[in-house]
């Protein structure tokens, strides 16, 4: 849910630390300053800075998402990661893909980073998306008045 609501990249989400999340702000937010990467050659888990300066950013999200995050953050020390593996410890990307990929064929977390809607001009983060063709009522029949 966090990936969809914020547009975070996978490594930014699994490397998110509890002290980087502010659930009590008027608009809940998190700060991205690092990401967790699993080295393909060694399997080592490494915290790294984002690739670009723009990657270091503050991202707001809805109060609904904050309610989902609250139990994950409760009781954690400030430096602990928000998301952990089932037996504790850091999330390993290849294990997650092996399990998650089996249930959702063709879907990758990297595609979710681009799924966040653009900000609304009024700054309202809970706006409704514009209707799409399937949402529109059927057209009215044409009546020739001549």
Protein backbone atom coordinates (compact mmCIF):
# COMPACT_ATOMS: atom_id res chain seq x y z
CA UNK A 1 0.00 0.00 0.00
CA UNK A 2 2.83 2.39 0.82
CA UNK A 3 4.42 1.91 -2.60
CA UNK A 4 1.17 2.77 -4.37
CA UNK A 5 0.27 5.69 -2.08
CA UNK A 6 3.68 7.38 -2.17
CA UNK A 7 5.44 6.27 -5.33
CA UNK A 8 8.42 5.04 -3.30
CA UNK A 9 10.86 2.74 -5.02
CA UNK A 10 11.27 -0.77 -3.65
CA UNK A 11 14.68 -0.15 -2.05
CA UNK A 12 13.44 3.08 -0.46
CA UNK A 13 10.49 1.27 1.12
CA UNK A 14 12.38 -1.72 2.54
CA UNK A 15 15.14 0.60 3.79
CA UNK A 16 12.74 3.05 5.47
CA UNK A 17 13.62 3.57 9.13
CA UNK A 18 11.06 4.31 11.84
CA UNK A 19 12.55 7.71 12.72
CA UNK A 20 12.06 8.90 9.13
CA UNK A 21 8.25 8.59 9.37
CA UNK A 22 6.06 11.29 10.95
CA UNK A 23 2.58 9.88 11.50
CA UNK A 24 1.45 12.72 13.78
CA UNK A 25 1.96 15.59 11.34
CA UNK A 26 -1.12 17.34 9.92
CA UNK A 27 -0.19 15.64 6.65
CA UNK A 28 1.66 12.42 7.54
CA UNK A 29 5.00 12.20 5.75
CA UNK A 30 8.24 10.32 5.45
CA UNK A 31 11.71 11.37 4.46
CA UNK A 32 13.76 9.39 1.97
CA UNK A 33 17.49 9.65 2.66
CA UNK A 34 18.65 6.11 1.92
CA UNK A 35 17.66 2.88 0.23
CA UNK A 36 18.40 -0.76 0.90
CA UNK A 37 20.02 -2.69 -1.94
CA UNK A 38 20.80 -6.37 -2.19
CA UNK A 39 24.05 -6.87 -4.08
CA UNK A 40 23.44 -9.35 -6.91
CA UNK A 41 26.95 -10.79 -6.82
CA UNK A 42 27.27 -11.39 -3.07
CA UNK A 43 23.72 -11.18 -1.66
CA UNK A 44 24.99 -8.59 0.83
CA UNK A 45 22.42 -6.02 2.04
CA UNK A 46 23.75 -2.46 1.85
CA UNK A 47 22.21 0.89 2.79
CA UNK A 48 23.02 3.50 0.12
CA UNK A 49 22.13 7.09 -0.62
CA UNK A 50 19.59 7.60 -3.42
CA UNK A 51 21.11 7.74 -6.89
CA UNK A 52 20.27 11.42 -7.45
CA UNK A 53 19.83 14.57 -5.35
CA UNK A 54 16.11 14.54 -6.17
CA UNK A 55 15.94 11.06 -4.66
CA UNK A 56 16.42 12.63 -1.22
CA UNK A 57 12.94 13.96 -0.57
CA UNK A 58 9.96 14.23 1.75
CA UNK A 59 6.79 12.44 0.66
CA UNK A 60 3.35 12.96 2.19
CA UNK A 61 0.63 10.34 2.34
CA UNK A 62 -2.94 9.98 3.56
CA UNK A 63 -4.09 9.36 7.10
CA UNK A 64 -5.45 5.99 5.95
CA UNK A 65 -1.93 4.92 5.05
CA UNK A 66 -0.68 6.34 8.37
CA UNK A 67 -3.15 4.07 10.21
CA UNK A 68 -1.73 1.06 8.35
CA UNK A 69 1.85 2.06 9.18
CA UNK A 70 1.24 2.79 12.87
CA UNK A 71 1.34 -0.84 14.09
CA UNK A 72 4.49 -1.50 12.04
CA UNK A 73 6.30 1.43 13.67
CA UNK A 74 4.96 1.05 17.23
CA UNK A 75 7.67 -0.03 19.65
CA UNK A 76 10.54 0.20 17.16
CA UNK A 77 13.73 2.05 17.94
CA UNK A 78 14.45 5.07 15.76
CA UNK A 79 17.06 3.31 13.61
CA UNK A 80 15.07 0.13 12.96
CA UNK A 81 13.52 -0.50 9.56
CA UNK A 82 9.74 -0.31 9.26
CA UNK A 83 9.36 -3.43 7.13
CA UNK A 84 11.00 -6.66 8.25
CA UNK A 85 11.11 -10.23 6.98
CA UNK A 86 8.69 -12.76 8.54
CA UNK A 87 11.37 -14.04 10.93
CA UNK A 88 12.75 -10.55 11.60
CA UNK A 89 15.70 -8.88 9.97
CA UNK A 90 15.94 -7.03 6.70
CA UNK A 91 13.75 -7.89 3.71
CA UNK A 92 15.69 -9.67 0.98
CA UNK A 93 14.49 -8.64 -2.46
CA UNK A 94 15.00 -12.04 -4.09
CA UNK A 95 13.02 -13.84 -1.34
CA UNK A 96 10.18 -11.35 -1.65
CA UNK A 97 10.11 -11.70 -5.45
CA UNK A 98 10.12 -15.48 -5.21
CA UNK A 99 7.10 -15.52 -2.88
CA UNK A 100 5.20 -12.46 -4.15
CA UNK A 101 5.94 -13.13 -7.82
CA UNK A 102 4.36 -16.56 -7.59
CA UNK A 103 1.01 -15.03 -6.63
CA UNK A 104 0.97 -11.97 -8.89
CA UNK A 105 2.32 -12.92 -12.29
CA UNK A 106 3.89 -10.12 -14.30
CA UNK A 107 3.58 -7.52 -11.55
CA UNK A 108 6.76 -5.95 -10.17
CA UNK A 109 7.19 -3.50 -7.34
CA UNK A 110 9.23 -1.23 -9.62
CA UNK A 111 6.12 -0.55 -11.70
CA UNK A 112 4.32 0.83 -8.64
CA UNK A 113 6.80 3.69 -8.28
CA UNK A 114 5.15 5.39 -11.23
CA UNK A 115 1.56 4.68 -10.21
CA UNK A 116 1.06 7.57 -7.79
CA UNK A 117 -1.32 10.19 -9.17
CA UNK A 118 0.10 13.67 -9.72
CA UNK A 119 -0.51 16.19 -6.93
CA UNK A 120 -3.80 18.04 -7.10
CA UNK A 121 -3.50 21.78 -7.87
CA UNK A 122 -5.22 22.64 -4.56
CA UNK A 123 -2.73 20.48 -2.64
CA UNK A 124 -5.44 18.01 -1.60
CA UNK A 125 -3.86 14.54 -1.43
CA UNK A 126 -7.19 12.73 -1.07
CA UNK A 127 -8.74 13.90 -4.34
CA UNK A 128 -10.71 11.55 -6.55
CA UNK A 129 -9.23 10.51 -9.84
CA UNK A 130 -10.93 11.78 -13.00
CA UNK A 131 -13.49 9.37 -14.45
CA UNK A 132 -12.37 6.91 -17.09
CA UNK A 133 -14.48 5.62 -19.94
CA UNK A 134 -15.82 2.65 -17.95
CA UNK A 135 -17.06 5.04 -15.23
CA UNK A 136 -19.08 7.29 -17.49
CA UNK A 137 -22.83 6.80 -17.90
CA UNK A 138 -23.97 5.41 -21.24
CA UNK A 139 -24.54 8.05 -23.92
CA UNK A 140 -28.07 9.33 -24.44
CA UNK A 141 -29.74 8.22 -27.65
CA UNK A 142 -29.64 10.69 -30.52
CA UNK A 143 -33.02 12.27 -31.18
CA UNK A 144 -33.48 14.01 -34.51
CA UNK A 145 -35.69 17.04 -33.93
CA UNK A 146 -36.14 17.97 -37.61
